[in-house]
Amino acid sequence: MSITRTRLHDPRRRQDKQELDGANVKIVSLPFEPAEPKPAVEPRIETPLPKVAEVYWALVLGTRDYLHKNGMSDAVIGLSGGIDSSLTCCIAVDALGREHVTGVAMPGPYSSQHSLEDAETLARNLGIRFLVIPITGVFEAFLRALSEVFRGLPPDVTEENLQARIRGTILMALSNKFGWLVLTTGNKSEGSTGYCTLYGDTAGGFAVLKDVYKTLVYELAAYVNEKAGREIIPRRVFEKPPSAELRPGQVDQEKLPPYPLLDAILQAYVEEDRSVADIVAMGYDEATVRKVAWMVDSSEYKRRQFAPGPKITHRAFGKDRRLPITNRFREWEGK
């Protein structure tokens, strides 16, 4: 017997009804005024946005919704003078309003003068609050504190990551003090390959470009200037080689293939689930493909600790592509 039929045959319900029928129930009639008919909506067909514009405004909507629906109104962004932080800041301004965005430049011992100038120019073009908090003194204090245990060891990625983590700490301090949400600025190309620092440039509450490859970052940045009809993001930001500026002369392409090549391999490996052999058969260098696949597979532990971010591709990291952190299998080795 179904639940509904069981309830209909339940004697307790008949008893409740009999008690209600015998009760002195007062019936109140409420006045009813029919609502005025709404004016007819004129049907229309919207012209689809170009892909880059559609992605840009999707990122704006995702950022605005995340903050506002979680009861937050203001964001803070570390401005390095690079393309990623510049684009993130522009999206934040369109999402929240210029009065709700703060940009922070944190020059260190290897920061170039043009990076600080480009960050300041961007902030001025957007009309946002701009802070400069140097980290060189803090970095030197860390090196002094670690000098004994590091004695005799040459500088390496450890000192580079220290600078990134100092910047993350400063941004989180501003977040705690003023209630600003830290927007991280890393893109999908970096997140795919693990070219980022845990608790450094990954520290924050929302990753605006988490699902945006580096090549698309440049297209979106160009769209910012195009829609404004003027130069919001300085031209030099587009032209200079991407660099974390954590040691003298550092550029991204020392550790990564050129971004157009890298993004094409990532598109095949991550988005399309192609094997290393399949990608090599597409005409890509086998050593490069294996290197990229290894970087993607070995960086899963980092991605598990990233901030959430908007999804704009059919396979975003996290919900759509989540592999075991501990995994010795390498499909190109067959074991």
Protein backbone atom coordinates (compact mmCIF):
# COMPACT_ATOMS: atom_id res chain seq x y z
CA MET A 1 0.00 0.00 0.00
CA SER A 2 1.39 3.43 -0.92
CA ILE A 3 2.21 6.07 1.68
CA THR A 4 -0.66 8.23 0.44
CA ARG A 5 -3.21 5.40 0.77
CA THR A 6 -1.82 4.50 4.19
CA ARG A 7 -2.40 8.07 5.38
CA LEU A 8 -5.92 8.10 3.95
CA HIS A 9 -6.76 4.97 5.96
CA ASP A 10 -5.11 6.21 9.15
CA PRO A 11 -7.94 6.53 11.76
CA ARG A 12 -6.09 9.38 13.48
CA ARG A 13 -6.69 11.62 10.47
CA ARG A 14 -10.45 10.88 10.50
CA GLN A 15 -10.53 11.72 14.18
CA ASP A 16 -8.70 15.03 13.57
CA LYS A 17 -11.22 15.93 10.87
CA GLN A 18 -14.20 15.17 13.14
CA GLU A 19 -12.75 17.37 15.87
CA LEU A 20 -12.22 20.19 13.38
CA ASP A 21 -15.78 19.87 12.01
CA GLY A 22 -17.19 20.27 15.48
CA ALA A 23 -15.03 23.20 16.47
CA ASN A 24 -16.25 26.78 16.50
CA VAL A 25 -14.22 28.06 13.57
CA LYS A 26 -14.56 31.70 12.57
CA ILE A 27 -14.32 32.31 8.85
CA VAL A 28 -12.77 35.65 7.82
CA SER A 29 -13.28 36.96 4.31
CA LEU A 30 -10.43 39.05 2.98
CA PRO A 31 -11.02 41.68 0.31
CA PHE A 32 -9.60 40.73 -3.04
CA GLU A 33 -8.46 43.26 -5.55
CA PRO A 34 -7.26 41.85 -8.83
CA ALA A 35 -3.82 43.07 -9.82
CA GLU A 36 -3.60 45.41 -12.73
CA PRO A 37 -2.55 43.61 -15.88
CA LYS A 38 1.14 43.98 -16.64
CA PRO A 39 2.03 45.74 -19.84
CA ALA A 40 2.89 43.39 -22.65
CA VAL A 41 6.60 42.74 -23.10
CA GLU A 42 7.81 43.43 -26.58
CA PRO A 43 9.61 40.30 -27.82
CA ARG A 44 13.15 40.81 -29.01
CA ILE A 45 16.15 38.80 -30.04
CA GLU A 46 19.46 39.88 -28.54
CA THR A 47 22.55 39.81 -30.72
CA PRO A 48 25.05 37.31 -29.23
CA LEU A 49 28.16 38.89 -27.77
CA PRO A 50 31.55 38.09 -29.28
CA LYS A 51 33.30 35.30 -27.37
CA VAL A 52 35.80 37.54 -25.60
CA ALA A 53 33.11 40.00 -24.48
CA GLU A 54 30.88 37.15 -23.30
CA VAL A 55 33.71 35.68 -21.21
CA TYR A 56 34.61 39.08 -19.78
CA TRP A 57 31.10 39.88 -18.59
CA ALA A 58 30.68 36.35 -17.26
CA LEU A 59 33.76 36.92 -15.08
CA VAL A 60 32.34 40.26 -13.96
CA LEU A 61 29.01 38.66 -13.04
CA GLY A 62 30.68 35.76 -11.23
CA THR A 63 32.86 38.11 -9.19
CA ARG A 64 29.98 40.43 -8.30
CA ASP A 65 27.69 37.56 -7.31
CA TYR A 66 30.33 35.84 -5.20
CA LEU A 67 31.04 38.93 -3.13
CA HIS A 68 27.55 40.37 -2.84
CA LYS A 69 25.78 37.05 -2.17
CA ASN A 70 28.32 36.31 0.56
CA GLY A 71 27.75 39.68 2.21
CA MET A 72 30.94 41.39 1.03
CA SER A 73 31.33 44.64 -0.86
CA ASP A 74 35.07 45.39 -1.22
CA ALA A 75 38.07 43.66 -2.74
CA VAL A 76 41.84 44.08 -2.56
CA ILE A 77 44.26 43.03 -5.29
CA GLY A 78 48.02 42.80 -5.41
CA LEU A 79 49.07 44.83 -8.46
CA SER A 80 52.36 43.62 -9.90
CA GLY A 81 52.24 45.69 -13.06
CA GLY A 82 51.62 42.49 -15.05
CA ILE A 83 48.79 41.48 -17.34
CA ASP A 84 47.02 39.09 -14.93
CA SER A 85 46.68 41.48 -12.00
CA SER A 86 45.75 44.32 -14.36
CA LEU A 87 42.90 42.32 -15.89
CA THR A 88 41.72 41.08 -12.49
CA CYS A 89 41.56 44.66 -11.23
CA CYS A 90 39.54 45.81 -14.26
CA ILE A 91 37.05 42.98 -13.77
CA ALA A 92 36.75 43.87 -10.07
CA VAL A 93 36.02 47.52 -10.87
CA ASP A 94 33.29 46.58 -13.36
CA ALA A 95 31.87 44.11 -10.84
CA LEU A 96 31.99 46.19 -7.66
CA GLY A 97 32.59 49.82 -8.58
CA ARG A 98 35.87 51.71 -8.33
CA GLU A 99 35.15 52.89 -4.79
CA HIS A 100 35.10 49.27 -3.61
CA VAL A 101 38.46 48.16 -5.05
CA THR A 102 41.95 48.70 -3.60
CA GLY A 103 45.14 47.94 -5.50
CA VAL A 104 48.36 47.25 -3.62
CA ALA A 105 51.84 47.36 -5.14
CA MET A 106 54.43 45.50 -3.08
CA PRO A 107 57.82 46.12 -4.70
CA GLY A 108 60.61 43.83 -3.64
CA PRO A 109 64.37 43.65 -4.17
CA TYR A 110 63.98 42.44 -7.78
CA SER A 111 60.96 44.48 -8.83
CA SER A 112 61.51 46.71 -11.85
CA GLN A 113 60.67 50.40 -11.80
CA HIS A 114 58.38 49.98 -14.78
CA SER A 115 56.28 47.41 -12.90
CA LEU A 116 55.53 49.92 -10.14
CA GLU A 117 54.84 52.63 -12.73
CA ASP A 118 52.48 50.38 -14.70
CA ALA A 119 50.58 49.37 -11.54
CA GLU A 120 50.21 53.02 -10.52
CA THR A 121 49.09 54.03 -14.02
CA LEU A 122 46.45 51.30 -14.07
CA ALA A 123 45.13 52.37 -10.66
CA ARG A 124 44.96 55.99 -11.78
CA ASN A 125 43.18 55.06 -15.02
CA LEU A 126 40.59 53.07 -13.06
CA GLY A 127 40.26 55.66 -10.29
CA ILE A 128 40.78 53.16 -7.47
CA ARG A 129 42.55 53.47 -4.12
CA PHE A 130 46.25 52.60 -4.55
CA LEU A 131 48.71 51.59 -1.83
CA VAL A 132 52.45 50.97 -2.04
CA ILE A 133 53.85 48.64 0.64
CA PRO A 134 57.50 47.65 -0.03
CA ILE A 135 58.54 44.17 1.09
CA THR A 136 62.34 44.41 0.88
CA GLY A 137 62.79 45.10 4.59
CA VAL A 138 60.49 42.22 5.56
CA PHE A 139 62.27 39.89 3.13
CA GLU A 140 65.65 40.80 4.59
CA ALA A 141 64.32 40.16 8.09
CA PHE A 142 63.26 36.66 6.99
CA LEU A 143 66.70 36.00 5.50
CA ARG A 144 68.37 37.09 8.76
CA ALA A 145 66.09 34.83 10.78
CA LEU A 146 66.92 31.89 8.51
CA SER A 147 70.60 32.71 7.98
CA GLU A 148 71.95 30.18 10.46
CA VAL A 149 69.94 27.21 9.21
CA PHE A 150 70.52 28.21 5.56
CA ARG A 151 74.24 28.80 6.07
CA GLY A 152 76.33 27.63 3.09
CA LEU A 153 73.33 26.93 0.87
CA PRO A 154 72.92 28.89 -2.37
CA PRO A 155 69.74 30.92 -2.98
CA ASP A 156 67.07 29.03 -4.91
CA VAL A 157 63.29 28.83 -5.25
CA THR A 158 63.04 29.06 -1.46
CA GLU A 159 63.97 32.73 -1.45
CA GLU A 160 61.70 33.34 -4.44
CA ASN A 161 58.71 31.81 -2.68
CA LEU A 162 59.45 33.78 0.48
CA GLN A 163 58.77 37.00 -1.41
CA ALA A 164 55.47 35.71 -2.79
CA ARG A 165 54.37 34.55 0.67
CA ILE A 166 55.26 37.91 2.23
CA ARG A 167 53.00 39.58 -0.33
CA GLY A 168 50.22 37.08 0.41
CA THR A 169 50.56 37.79 4.13
CA ILE A 170 50.29 41.55 3.57
CA LEU A 171 47.16 41.16 1.46
CA MET A 172 45.56 38.89 4.03
CA ALA A 173 46.41 41.39 6.79
CA LEU A 174 44.59 44.12 4.85
CA SER A 175 41.70 41.71 4.33
CA ASN A 176 41.44 41.00 8.06
CA LYS A 177 41.77 44.62 9.10
CA PHE A 178 39.36 46.21 6.63
CA GLY A 179 37.09 43.34 5.55
CA TRP A 180 38.32 43.39 1.94
CA LEU A 181 38.24 40.10 0.07
CA VAL A 182 41.57 39.21 -1.54
CA LEU A 183 41.19 38.45 -5.24
CA THR A 184 43.96 36.19 -6.47
CA THR A 185 45.32 36.89 -9.94
CA GLY A 186 46.70 33.55 -11.19
CA ASN A 187 45.45 32.14 -14.49
CA LYS A 188 44.62 28.61 -15.64
CA SER A 189 47.92 28.12 -17.46
CA GLU A 190 49.81 28.73 -14.21
CA GLY A 191 47.37 26.69 -12.13
CA SER A 192 47.56 23.79 -14.58
CA THR A 193 51.33 23.56 -14.38
CA GLY A 194 51.77 24.52 -10.74
CA TYR A 195 53.66 27.68 -11.70
CA CYS A 196 52.53 29.48 -8.56
CA THR A 197 53.36 29.66 -4.86
CA LEU A 198 51.14 28.06 -2.23
CA TYR A 199 50.23 30.63 0.45
CA GLY A 200 51.79 33.29 -1.77
CA ASP A 201 50.16 34.41 -5.00
CA THR A 202 47.49 31.73 -4.44
CA ALA A 203 46.43 33.23 -1.08
CA GLY A 204 42.99 34.80 -1.23
CA GLY A 205 39.25 34.29 -1.25
CA PHE A 206 38.29 34.28 -4.94
CA ALA A 207 40.32 33.40 -8.03
CA VAL A 208 38.88 35.49 -10.85
CA LEU A 209 41.06 34.03 -13.63
CA LYS A 210 41.15 30.46 -12.32
CA ASP A 211 39.56 29.08 -15.52
CA VAL A 212 41.19 31.52 -17.98
CA TYR A 213 44.25 30.50 -19.99
CA LYS A 214 47.08 33.01 -20.41
CA THR A 215 46.46 33.55 -24.12
CA LEU A 216 42.83 34.43 -23.36
CA VAL A 217 44.02 36.80 -20.61
CA TYR A 218 45.70 38.91 -23.29
CA GLU A 219 42.54 38.92 -25.41
CA LEU A 220 40.41 39.96 -22.44
CA ALA A 221 42.88 42.69 -21.50
CA ALA A 222 42.73 44.04 -25.06
CA TYR A 223 38.92 44.02 -24.79
CA VAL A 224 39.15 46.19 -21.66
CA ASN A 225 40.88 48.93 -23.60
CA GLU A 226 38.65 48.45 -26.63
CA LYS A 227 35.38 48.81 -24.72
CA ALA A 228 36.71 51.84 -22.84
CA GLY A 229 37.87 53.51 -26.02
CA ARG A 230 41.13 54.43 -24.32
CA GLU A 231 44.17 52.85 -22.71
CA ILE A 232 43.13 51.52 -19.30
CA ILE A 233 45.80 48.82 -19.16
CA PRO A 234 49.10 50.42 -20.23
CA ARG A 235 50.49 49.26 -23.59
CA ARG A 236 53.78 48.30 -21.94
CA VAL A 237 51.94 45.65 -19.88
CA PHE A 238 51.06 43.84 -23.13
CA GLU A 239 54.55 44.09 -24.57
CA LYS A 240 56.92 43.10 -21.75
CA PRO A 241 57.74 39.41 -21.16
CA PRO A 242 55.68 37.92 -18.29
CA SER A 243 57.78 37.65 -15.13
CA ALA A 244 57.26 37.01 -11.43
CA GLU A 245 60.30 39.24 -10.74
CA LEU A 246 61.48 37.11 -7.83
CA ARG A 247 65.13 37.03 -8.96
CA PRO A 248 67.27 39.00 -11.40
CA GLY A 249 66.25 38.62 -15.05
CA GLN A 250 63.50 36.09 -14.36
CA VAL A 251 60.89 35.42 -17.08
CA ASP A 252 58.10 32.83 -17.20
CA GLN A 253 59.41 31.13 -20.34
CA GLU A 254 62.47 29.85 -18.46
CA LYS A 255 60.23 27.30 -16.75
CA LEU A 256 57.30 27.08 -19.18
CA PRO A 257 56.93 26.65 -22.95
CA PRO A 258 55.74 29.78 -24.80
CA TYR A 259 52.17 30.40 -23.72
CA PRO A 260 50.54 29.83 -27.15
CA LEU A 261 52.20 26.40 -27.28
CA LEU A 262 51.53 25.64 -23.62
CA ASP A 263 47.85 26.56 -23.85
CA ALA A 264 47.36 24.44 -26.97
CA ILE A 265 48.81 21.39 -25.19
CA LEU A 266 46.78 22.11 -22.05
CA GLN A 267 43.63 22.45 -24.14
CA ALA A 268 44.21 18.96 -25.54
CA TYR A 269 45.34 17.35 -22.27
CA VAL A 270 42.94 19.00 -19.81
CA GLU A 271 39.90 20.06 -21.81
CA GLU A 272 39.81 17.26 -24.38
CA ASP A 273 41.23 14.42 -22.26
CA ARG A 274 43.72 13.45 -24.94
CA SER A 275 46.63 11.18 -24.07
CA VAL A 276 50.26 12.18 -24.43
CA ALA A 277 50.54 9.91 -27.47
CA ASP A 278 47.51 11.55 -29.07
CA ILE A 279 48.92 15.04 -28.52
CA VAL A 280 52.30 14.05 -29.93
CA ALA A 281 50.48 12.63 -32.97
CA MET A 282 48.94 16.09 -33.44
CA GLY A 283 52.44 17.37 -34.22
CA TYR A 284 53.76 18.57 -30.86
CA ASP A 285 57.23 17.80 -29.55
CA GLU A 286 57.12 14.69 -27.37
CA ALA A 287 59.52 15.97 -24.71
CA THR A 288 57.49 19.18 -24.33
CA VAL A 289 54.19 17.31 -24.12
CA ARG A 290 55.56 14.93 -21.50
CA LYS A 291 56.91 17.83 -19.47
CA VAL A 292 53.57 19.66 -19.53
CA ALA A 293 51.62 16.50 -18.66
CA TRP A 294 53.97 15.79 -15.75
CA MET A 295 53.57 19.37 -14.46
CA VAL A 296 49.78 19.08 -14.64
CA ASP A 297 49.64 15.70 -12.92
CA SER A 298 52.11 16.59 -10.16
CA SER A 299 50.37 19.87 -9.28
CA GLU A 300 47.02 18.46 -8.22
CA TYR A 301 47.87 19.01 -4.55
CA LYS A 302 48.30 22.72 -5.21
CA ARG A 303 45.02 23.06 -7.08
CA ARG A 304 43.13 21.45 -4.18
CA GLN A 305 44.15 24.47 -2.10
CA PHE A 306 43.20 27.19 -4.59
CA ALA A 307 40.42 29.66 -3.92
CA PRO A 308 37.13 29.10 -5.77
CA GLY A 309 36.59 30.94 -9.03
CA PRO A 310 34.16 31.32 -11.93
CA LYS A 311 33.85 28.57 -14.53
CA ILE A 312 34.00 29.63 -18.18
CA THR A 313 35.18 26.43 -19.90
CA HIS A 314 33.52 23.05 -20.07
CA ARG A 315 36.25 21.57 -17.86
CA ALA A 316 37.29 23.70 -14.93
CA PHE A 317 39.63 22.40 -12.24
CA GLY A 318 37.88 21.21 -9.12
CA LYS A 319 34.40 20.02 -9.96
CA ASP A 320 35.04 19.01 -13.57
CA ARG A 321 38.59 17.67 -13.32
CA ARG A 322 39.69 16.34 -9.96
CA LEU A 323 42.29 13.58 -9.87
CA PRO A 324 43.93 11.79 -6.92
CA ILE A 325 46.62 13.84 -5.24
CA THR A 326 48.74 10.75 -4.64
CA ASN A 327 49.10 8.95 -7.95
CA ARG A 328 52.23 7.23 -9.28
CA PHE A 329 50.66 6.27 -12.60
CA ARG A 330 52.04 7.99 -15.70
CA GLU A 331 50.04 7.02 -18.78
CA TRP A 332 52.89 7.77 -21.19
CA GLU A 333 55.08 5.28 -19.29
CA GLY A 334 52.31 2.68 -19.15
CA LYS A 335 52.72 2.27 -15.39
